[in-house]
Amino acid sequence: MSDRVYFALYSRISNGDYAINQRLPSENTLSGELGVSRPVLRIALEKLRSEGIIYSRQGAGNFVRAAASKPVGFARVETLADVQRCYEFRITIETAAAECAALRQNKAVLDEIEHALDMMRMATGSREHREDADFAFHMAITKGANNQYFEASMRALREHIYVGMRMHGESLMTDGAVALQAVLEEHAAIFDAISDRNGTLAANLMRTHLEHSRDRLFGGGLLDLRMKERPPGT
């Protein structure tokens, strides 16, 4: 639950809903808006503070910190072609990350992946698709690869991935409970392969899952991203 609150607040801050140095709403207000208890909210706020996203002033509350410069950054998603390009990039890095995670995982990694999977199970049982749980699952695997370049890329792509996940979730909701269950089973199979330290299987399952996700979203009709030839002299 605290992960869901963390991602919700992170998204608000990233999208500019709260300006730099703006005071966040009170804990009572936020807990009411997000439908969680104050202890759960405080765990999420502490995580945001530890990552330098917000800061506290004694007796005054929590404030948005100016974003630090990042070594990796991407322009905003503006077209369906951008969503397709994001999937291409994800297939490349997440397939490799899944294989590394299977070979390098420990109990803490498995616990984090399984926790995200449990959130997805609960959402599927309620016939919902939760982008925060979906992203948490993929992020936990990337962290499990023990390679900061994979992790930094995923964090930088967070909002871009959310766009694709949100659109994919809408398509799943249209297809109903069967589609939601099928996607959950894809995630569970990836987790099992990582738990078994089967890197080759984990990589193949991750690639298949992301390709299925992309194809469900685009209906099997991908956009033609070939560059046109320029006339001579231009």
C-alpha atoms as a PDB file:
ATOM      1  CA  MET A   1       0.000   0.000   0.000  1.00  0.00           C
ATOM      2  CA  SER A   2       2.832   2.414   0.814  1.00  0.00           C
ATOM      3  CA  ASP A   3       4.356   1.659  -2.608  1.00  0.00           C
ATOM      4  CA  ARG A   4       1.105   2.691  -4.279  1.00  0.00           C
ATOM      5  CA  VAL A   5       1.073   5.950  -2.303  1.00  0.00           C
ATOM      6  CA  TYR A   6       4.744   6.570  -3.107  1.00  0.00           C
ATOM      7  CA  PHE A   7       4.200   6.177  -6.856  1.00  0.00           C
ATOM      8  CA  ALA A   8       1.060   8.327  -6.749  1.00  0.00           C
ATOM      9  CA  LEU A   9       2.880  11.181  -5.007  1.00  0.00           C
ATOM     10  CA  TYR A  10       5.949  10.760  -7.182  1.00  0.00           C
ATOM     11  CA  SER A  11       3.769  11.055 -10.284  1.00  0.00           C
ATOM     12  CA  ARG A  12       2.085  14.203  -8.975  1.00  0.00           C
ATOM     13  CA  ILE A  13       5.443  15.814  -8.270  1.00  0.00           C
ATOM     14  CA  SER A  14       6.952  14.710 -11.607  1.00  0.00           C
ATOM     15  CA  ASN A  15       3.930  16.038 -13.490  1.00  0.00           C
ATOM     16  CA  GLY A  16       4.222  19.429 -11.794  1.00  0.00           C
ATOM     17  CA  ASP A  17       1.037  19.151  -9.731  1.00  0.00           C
ATOM     18  CA  TYR A  18       3.114  20.490  -6.842  1.00  0.00           C
ATOM     19  CA  ALA A  19       5.623  23.222  -7.691  1.00  0.00           C
ATOM     20  CA  ILE A  20       9.210  23.330  -6.449  1.00  0.00           C
ATOM     21  CA  ASN A  21       9.331  24.452  -2.797  1.00  0.00           C
ATOM     22  CA  GLN A  22       5.535  24.180  -2.585  1.00  0.00           C
ATOM     23  CA  ARG A  23       4.210  22.712   0.640  1.00  0.00           C
ATOM     24  CA  LEU A  24       2.449  19.380   0.171  1.00  0.00           C
ATOM     25  CA  PRO A  25      -1.092  19.055   1.526  1.00  0.00           C
ATOM     26  CA  SER A  26      -1.322  18.005   5.167  1.00  0.00           C
ATOM     27  CA  GLU A  27      -1.070  14.343   6.123  1.00  0.00           C
ATOM     28  CA  ASN A  28      -4.780  14.326   6.961  1.00  0.00           C
ATOM     29  CA  THR A  29      -5.635  15.694   3.510  1.00  0.00           C
ATOM     30  CA  LEU A  30      -3.308  13.322   1.626  1.00  0.00           C
ATOM     31  CA  SER A  31      -4.404  10.245   3.555  1.00  0.00           C
ATOM     32  CA  GLY A  32      -8.008  11.105   2.753  1.00  0.00           C
ATOM     33  CA  GLU A  33      -7.314  11.739  -0.943  1.00  0.00           C
ATOM     34  CA  LEU A  34      -5.338   8.511  -1.320  1.00  0.00           C
ATOM     35  CA  GLY A  35      -7.570   6.382   0.884  1.00  0.00           C
ATOM     36  CA  VAL A  36      -4.838   5.180   3.257  1.00  0.00           C
ATOM     37  CA  SER A  37      -3.970   5.505   6.929  1.00  0.00           C
ATOM     38  CA  ARG A  38      -1.464   8.095   8.115  1.00  0.00           C
ATOM     39  CA  PRO A  39       1.138   5.444   9.077  1.00  0.00           C
ATOM     40  CA  VAL A  40       1.043   4.093   5.503  1.00  0.00           C
ATOM     41  CA  LEU A  41       1.320   7.634   4.123  1.00  0.00           C
ATOM     42  CA  ARG A  42       4.305   8.374   6.371  1.00  0.00           C
ATOM     43  CA  ILE A  43       6.209   5.360   5.007  1.00  0.00           C
ATOM     44  CA  ALA A  44       5.741   6.718   1.476  1.00  0.00           C
ATOM     45  CA  LEU A  45       6.745  10.241   2.543  1.00  0.00           C
ATOM     46  CA  GLU A  46       9.873   8.918   4.230  1.00  0.00           C
ATOM     47  CA  LYS A  47      10.857   7.137   1.010  1.00  0.00           C
ATOM     48  CA  LEU A  48      10.373  10.370  -0.948  1.00  0.00           C
ATOM     49  CA  ARG A  49      12.542  12.204   1.599  1.00  0.00           C
ATOM     50  CA  SER A  50      15.263   9.549   1.461  1.00  0.00           C
ATOM     51  CA  GLU A  51      15.404   9.935  -2.326  1.00  0.00           C
ATOM     52  CA  GLY A  52      15.667  13.713  -2.071  1.00  0.00           C
ATOM     53  CA  ILE A  53      12.332  14.336  -3.781  1.00  0.00           C
ATOM     54  CA  ILE A  54      10.809  16.192  -0.825  1.00  0.00           C
ATOM     55  CA  TYR A  55      12.190  17.767   2.330  1.00  0.00           C
ATOM     56  CA  SER A  56      10.702  18.630   5.726  1.00  0.00           C
ATOM     57  CA  ARG A  57      10.637  21.835   7.751  1.00  0.00           C
ATOM     58  CA  GLN A  58      10.024  21.283  11.415  1.00  0.00           C
ATOM     59  CA  GLY A  59       6.534  22.354  12.276  1.00  0.00           C
ATOM     60  CA  ALA A  60       5.806  23.431   8.703  1.00  0.00           C
ATOM     61  CA  GLY A  61       5.333  20.178   6.792  1.00  0.00           C
ATOM     62  CA  ASN A  62       6.770  18.612   3.640  1.00  0.00           C
ATOM     63  CA  PHE A  63       7.970  20.552   0.614  1.00  0.00           C
ATOM     64  CA  VAL A  64       8.962  19.680  -2.962  1.00  0.00           C
ATOM     65  CA  ARG A  65      12.700  19.808  -3.562  1.00  0.00           C
ATOM     66  CA  ALA A  66      14.142  21.180  -6.802  1.00  0.00           C
ATOM     67  CA  ALA A  67      14.946  18.299  -9.140  1.00  0.00           C
ATOM     68  CA  ALA A  68      18.620  17.458  -9.327  1.00  0.00           C
ATOM     69  CA  SER A  69      20.194  17.154 -12.737  1.00  0.00           C
ATOM     70  CA  LYS A  70      20.082  13.593 -14.021  1.00  0.00           C
ATOM     71  CA  PRO A  71      22.586  11.784 -16.256  1.00  0.00           C
ATOM     72  CA  VAL A  72      19.693  10.202 -18.170  1.00  0.00           C
ATOM     73  CA  GLY A  73      16.610  11.996 -19.392  1.00  0.00           C
ATOM     74  CA  PHE A  74      13.927  11.596 -22.041  1.00  0.00           C
ATOM     75  CA  ALA A  75      11.501  13.933 -23.754  1.00  0.00           C
ATOM     76  CA  ARG A  76       7.829  13.525 -22.910  1.00  0.00           C
ATOM     77  CA  VAL A  77       5.739  10.870 -24.646  1.00  0.00           C
ATOM     78  CA  GLU A  78       3.683  12.703 -27.259  1.00  0.00           C
ATOM     79  CA  THR A  79       2.641  10.142 -29.887  1.00  0.00           C
ATOM     80  CA  LEU A  80       1.810   6.459 -30.281  1.00  0.00           C
ATOM     81  CA  ALA A  81       5.139   6.121 -32.066  1.00  0.00           C
ATOM     82  CA  ASP A  82       6.824   7.222 -28.831  1.00  0.00           C
ATOM     83  CA  VAL A  83       4.941   4.520 -26.917  1.00  0.00           C
ATOM     84  CA  GLN A  84       6.107   1.919 -29.441  1.00  0.00           C
ATOM     85  CA  ARG A  85       9.716   3.162 -29.170  1.00  0.00           C
ATOM     86  CA  CYS A  86       9.487   2.932 -25.390  1.00  0.00           C
ATOM     87  CA  TYR A  87       8.418  -0.710 -25.690  1.00  0.00           C
ATOM     88  CA  GLU A  88      11.369  -1.378 -28.008  1.00  0.00           C
ATOM     89  CA  PHE A  89      13.749   0.038 -25.432  1.00  0.00           C
ATOM     90  CA  ARG A  90      12.088  -1.806 -22.557  1.00  0.00           C
ATOM     91  CA  ILE A  91      12.287  -5.122 -24.397  1.00  0.00           C
ATOM     92  CA  THR A  92      16.020  -4.593 -24.797  1.00  0.00           C
ATOM     93  CA  ILE A  93      16.925  -3.606 -21.244  1.00  0.00           C
ATOM     94  CA  GLU A  94      14.314  -5.555 -19.259  1.00  0.00           C
ATOM     95  CA  THR A  95      15.060  -8.831 -21.015  1.00  0.00           C
ATOM     96  CA  ALA A  96      18.716  -8.487 -20.040  1.00  0.00           C
ATOM     97  CA  ALA A  97      17.790  -7.306 -16.534  1.00  0.00           C
ATOM     98  CA  ALA A  98      15.527 -10.331 -15.956  1.00  0.00           C
ATOM     99  CA  GLU A  99      18.334 -12.694 -16.893  1.00  0.00           C
ATOM    100  CA  CYS A 100      20.780 -10.909 -14.581  1.00  0.00           C
ATOM    101  CA  ALA A 101      18.241 -10.834 -11.744  1.00  0.00           C
ATOM    102  CA  ALA A 102      17.727 -14.593 -12.017  1.00  0.00           C
ATOM    103  CA  LEU A 103      21.458 -15.193 -11.727  1.00  0.00           C
ATOM    104  CA  ARG A 104      22.141 -12.595  -9.011  1.00  0.00           C
ATOM    105  CA  GLN A 105      18.981 -12.544  -6.869  1.00  0.00           C
ATOM    106  CA  ASN A 106      18.816 -12.930  -3.100  1.00  0.00           C
ATOM    107  CA  LYS A 107      15.949 -13.191  -0.626  1.00  0.00           C
ATOM    108  CA  ALA A 108      15.462  -9.413  -0.412  1.00  0.00           C
ATOM    109  CA  VAL A 109      15.102  -9.199  -4.195  1.00  0.00           C
ATOM    110  CA  LEU A 110      12.639 -12.080  -4.329  1.00  0.00           C
ATOM    111  CA  ASP A 111      10.610 -10.602  -1.466  1.00  0.00           C
ATOM    112  CA  GLU A 112      10.317  -7.258  -3.270  1.00  0.00           C
ATOM    113  CA  ILE A 113       9.280  -8.871  -6.557  1.00  0.00           C
ATOM    114  CA  GLU A 114       6.766 -11.123  -4.797  1.00  0.00           C
ATOM    115  CA  HIS A 115       5.308  -8.184  -2.875  1.00  0.00           C
ATOM    116  CA  ALA A 116       4.606  -6.380  -6.152  1.00  0.00           C
ATOM    117  CA  LEU A 117       3.160  -9.583  -7.588  1.00  0.00           C
ATOM    118  CA  ASP A 118       0.843  -9.890  -4.586  1.00  0.00           C
ATOM    119  CA  MET A 119      -0.430  -6.354  -5.238  1.00  0.00           C
ATOM    120  CA  MET A 120      -1.145  -7.369  -8.813  1.00  0.00           C
ATOM    121  CA  ARG A 121      -2.990 -10.492  -7.617  1.00  0.00           C
ATOM    122  CA  MET A 122      -5.237  -8.402  -5.381  1.00  0.00           C
ATOM    123  CA  ALA A 123      -5.945  -5.963  -8.203  1.00  0.00           C
ATOM    124  CA  THR A 124      -6.735  -8.806 -10.607  1.00  0.00           C
ATOM    125  CA  GLY A 125      -9.064 -10.333  -8.024  1.00  0.00           C
ATOM    126  CA  SER A 126     -10.890  -6.992  -7.913  1.00  0.00           C
ATOM    127  CA  ARG A 127     -10.883  -6.812 -11.724  1.00  0.00           C
ATOM    128  CA  GLU A 128      -8.579  -3.804 -11.719  1.00  0.00           C
ATOM    129  CA  HIS A 129      -5.294  -2.970 -13.406  1.00  0.00           C
ATOM    130  CA  ARG A 130      -2.838  -1.042 -11.244  1.00  0.00           C
ATOM    131  CA  GLU A 131      -0.003   0.690 -13.041  1.00  0.00           C
ATOM    132  CA  ASP A 132       1.815   1.277  -9.741  1.00  0.00           C
ATOM    133  CA  ALA A 133       1.912  -2.452  -8.928  1.00  0.00           C
ATOM    134  CA  ASP A 134       2.886  -3.313 -12.502  1.00  0.00           C
ATOM    135  CA  PHE A 135       5.747  -0.825 -12.490  1.00  0.00           C
ATOM    136  CA  ALA A 136       6.847  -1.919  -9.008  1.00  0.00           C
ATOM    137  CA  PHE A 137       7.150  -5.498 -10.303  1.00  0.00           C
ATOM    138  CA  HIS A 138       9.311  -4.518 -13.259  1.00  0.00           C
ATOM    139  CA  MET A 139      11.336  -2.064 -11.181  1.00  0.00           C
ATOM    140  CA  ALA A 140      12.065  -4.712  -8.534  1.00  0.00           C
ATOM    141  CA  ILE A 141      13.402  -7.074 -11.200  1.00  0.00           C
ATOM    142  CA  THR A 142      15.579  -4.324 -12.639  1.00  0.00           C
ATOM    143  CA  LYS A 143      16.972  -3.570  -9.180  1.00  0.00           C
ATOM    144  CA  GLY A 144      17.590  -7.282  -8.730  1.00  0.00           C
ATOM    145  CA  ALA A 145      19.940  -7.219 -11.723  1.00  0.00           C
ATOM    146  CA  ASN A 146      22.406  -5.350  -9.465  1.00  0.00           C
ATOM    147  CA  ASN A 147      23.343  -3.012 -12.308  1.00  0.00           C
ATOM    148  CA  GLN A 148      22.809   0.685 -11.659  1.00  0.00           C
ATOM    149  CA  TYR A 149      22.582   1.477 -15.379  1.00  0.00           C
ATOM    150  CA  PHE A 150      19.491  -0.688 -15.807  1.00  0.00           C
ATOM    151  CA  GLU A 151      17.938   0.842 -12.698  1.00  0.00           C
ATOM    152  CA  ALA A 152      18.740   4.445 -13.680  1.00  0.00           C
ATOM    153  CA  SER A 153      17.207   3.920 -17.116  1.00  0.00           C
ATOM    154  CA  MET A 154      14.002   2.490 -15.642  1.00  0.00           C
ATOM    155  CA  ARG A 155      13.687   5.338 -13.153  1.00  0.00           C
ATOM    156  CA  ALA A 156      14.200   7.906 -15.900  1.00  0.00           C
ATOM    157  CA  LEU A 157      11.548   6.150 -17.997  1.00  0.00           C
ATOM    158  CA  ARG A 158       9.017   5.887 -15.176  1.00  0.00           C
ATOM    159  CA  GLU A 159       6.488   8.369 -16.575  1.00  0.00           C
ATOM    160  CA  HIS A 160       6.923   7.061 -20.132  1.00  0.00           C
ATOM    161  CA  ILE A 161       6.330   3.488 -18.984  1.00  0.00           C
ATOM    162  CA  TYR A 162       3.268   4.625 -17.034  1.00  0.00           C
ATOM    163  CA  VAL A 163       1.731   5.969 -20.254  1.00  0.00           C
ATOM    164  CA  GLY A 164       2.070   2.602 -21.967  1.00  0.00           C
ATOM    165  CA  MET A 165       0.909   0.703 -18.879  1.00  0.00           C
ATOM    166  CA  ARG A 166      -2.114   2.932 -18.503  1.00  0.00           C
ATOM    167  CA  MET A 167      -3.121   2.421 -22.133  1.00  0.00           C
ATOM    168  CA  HIS A 168      -2.451  -1.308 -21.868  1.00  0.00           C
ATOM    169  CA  GLY A 169      -4.533  -1.485 -18.697  1.00  0.00           C
ATOM    170  CA  GLU A 170      -7.443   0.190 -20.451  1.00  0.00           C
ATOM    171  CA  SER A 171      -7.284  -2.385 -23.243  1.00  0.00           C
ATOM    172  CA  LEU A 172      -7.206  -5.208 -20.677  1.00  0.00           C
ATOM    173  CA  MET A 173     -10.243  -3.821 -18.868  1.00  0.00           C
ATOM    174  CA  THR A 174     -12.102  -3.851 -22.180  1.00  0.00           C
ATOM    175  CA  ASP A 175     -11.322  -7.549 -22.624  1.00  0.00           C
ATOM    176  CA  GLY A 176     -12.361  -8.395 -19.057  1.00  0.00           C
ATOM    177  CA  ALA A 177     -11.245 -10.748 -16.299  1.00  0.00           C
ATOM    178  CA  VAL A 178      -9.732 -13.379 -18.626  1.00  0.00           C
ATOM    179  CA  ALA A 179      -7.233 -10.888 -20.050  1.00  0.00           C
ATOM    180  CA  LEU A 180      -6.282  -9.604 -16.590  1.00  0.00           C
ATOM    181  CA  GLN A 181      -5.695 -13.162 -15.385  1.00  0.00           C
ATOM    182  CA  ALA A 182      -3.558 -13.977 -18.421  1.00  0.00           C
ATOM    183  CA  VAL A 183      -1.297 -10.992 -17.770  1.00  0.00           C
ATOM    184  CA  LEU A 184      -1.005 -11.915 -14.095  1.00  0.00           C
ATOM    185  CA  GLU A 185       0.081 -15.418 -15.087  1.00  0.00           C
ATOM    186  CA  GLU A 186       2.764 -13.953 -17.363  1.00  0.00           C
ATOM    187  CA  HIS A 187       4.170 -11.985 -14.431  1.00  0.00           C
ATOM    188  CA  ALA A 188       3.989 -15.010 -12.118  1.00  0.00           C
ATOM    189  CA  ALA A 189       5.913 -17.147 -14.621  1.00  0.00           C
ATOM    190  CA  ILE A 190       8.691 -14.543 -14.772  1.00  0.00           C
ATOM    191  CA  PHE A 191       8.901 -14.534 -10.975  1.00  0.00           C
ATOM    192  CA  ASP A 192       9.100 -18.338 -10.865  1.00  0.00           C
ATOM    193  CA  ALA A 193      11.947 -18.368 -13.396  1.00  0.00           C
ATOM    194  CA  ILE A 194      13.877 -15.775 -11.397  1.00  0.00           C
ATOM    195  CA  SER A 195      13.255 -17.720  -8.187  1.00  0.00           C
ATOM    196  CA  ASP A 196      14.634 -20.848  -9.884  1.00  0.00           C
ATOM    197  CA  ARG A 197      17.716 -18.917 -11.064  1.00  0.00           C
ATOM    198  CA  ASN A 198      16.868 -19.817 -14.647  1.00  0.00           C
ATOM    199  CA  GLY A 199      18.267 -16.805 -16.466  1.00  0.00           C
ATOM    200  CA  THR A 200      17.532 -17.971 -20.000  1.00  0.00           C
ATOM    201  CA  LEU A 201      13.890 -18.734 -19.202  1.00  0.00           C
ATOM    202  CA  ALA A 202      13.460 -15.461 -17.273  1.00  0.00           C
ATOM    203  CA  ALA A 203      14.797 -13.486 -20.233  1.00  0.00           C
ATOM    204  CA  ASN A 204      12.581 -15.306 -22.736  1.00  0.00           C
ATOM    205  CA  LEU A 205       9.483 -14.901 -20.576  1.00  0.00           C
ATOM    206  CA  MET A 206      10.164 -11.196 -20.043  1.00  0.00           C
ATOM    207  CA  ARG A 207      10.621 -10.635 -23.776  1.00  0.00           C
ATOM    208  CA  THR A 208       7.415 -12.546 -24.555  1.00  0.00           C
ATOM    209  CA  HIS A 209       5.481 -10.653 -21.877  1.00  0.00           C
ATOM    210  CA  LEU A 210       6.561  -7.234 -23.137  1.00  0.00           C
ATOM    211  CA  GLU A 211       5.901  -8.186 -26.758  1.00  0.00           C
ATOM    212  CA  HIS A 212       2.426  -9.437 -25.789  1.00  0.00           C
ATOM    213  CA  SER A 213       1.789  -6.204 -23.905  1.00  0.00           C
ATOM    214  CA  ARG A 214       2.877  -4.120 -26.891  1.00  0.00           C
ATOM    215  CA  ASP A 215       0.867  -6.201 -29.354  1.00  0.00           C
ATOM    216  CA  ARG A 216      -2.268  -6.132 -27.187  1.00  0.00           C
ATOM    217  CA  LEU A 217      -2.000  -2.358 -27.098  1.00  0.00           C
ATOM    218  CA  PHE A 218      -1.393  -1.934 -30.826  1.00  0.00           C
ATOM    219  CA  GLY A 219      -3.683  -4.748 -31.909  1.00  0.00           C
ATOM    220  CA  GLY A 220      -0.854  -6.499 -33.708  1.00  0.00           C
ATOM    221  CA  GLY A 221      -0.480  -3.584 -36.141  1.00  0.00           C
ATOM    222  CA  LEU A 222       2.766  -1.834 -35.264  1.00  0.00           C
ATOM    223  CA  LEU A 223       3.591   1.554 -36.720  1.00  0.00           C
ATOM    224  CA  ASP A 224       6.114   1.794 -39.540  1.00  0.00           C
ATOM    225  CA  LEU A 225       9.074   3.597 -37.967  1.00  0.00           C
ATOM    226  CA  ARG A 226      11.355   3.421 -40.975  1.00  0.00           C
ATOM    227  CA  MET A 227      12.975   6.766 -41.819  1.00  0.00           C
ATOM    228  CA  LYS A 228      12.260   8.181 -45.224  1.00  0.00           C
ATOM    229  CA  GLU A 229      15.080   8.749 -47.653  1.00  0.00           C
ATOM    230  CA  ARG A 230      16.010  12.388 -48.037  1.00  0.00           C
ATOM    231  CA  PRO A 231      16.248  13.850 -51.529  1.00  0.00           C
ATOM    232  CA  PRO A 232      19.849  14.461 -52.646  1.00  0.00           C
ATOM    233  CA  GLY A 233      21.201  17.821 -51.546  1.00  0.00           C
ATOM    234  CA  THR A 234      18.882  18.233 -48.544  1.00  0.00           C
END
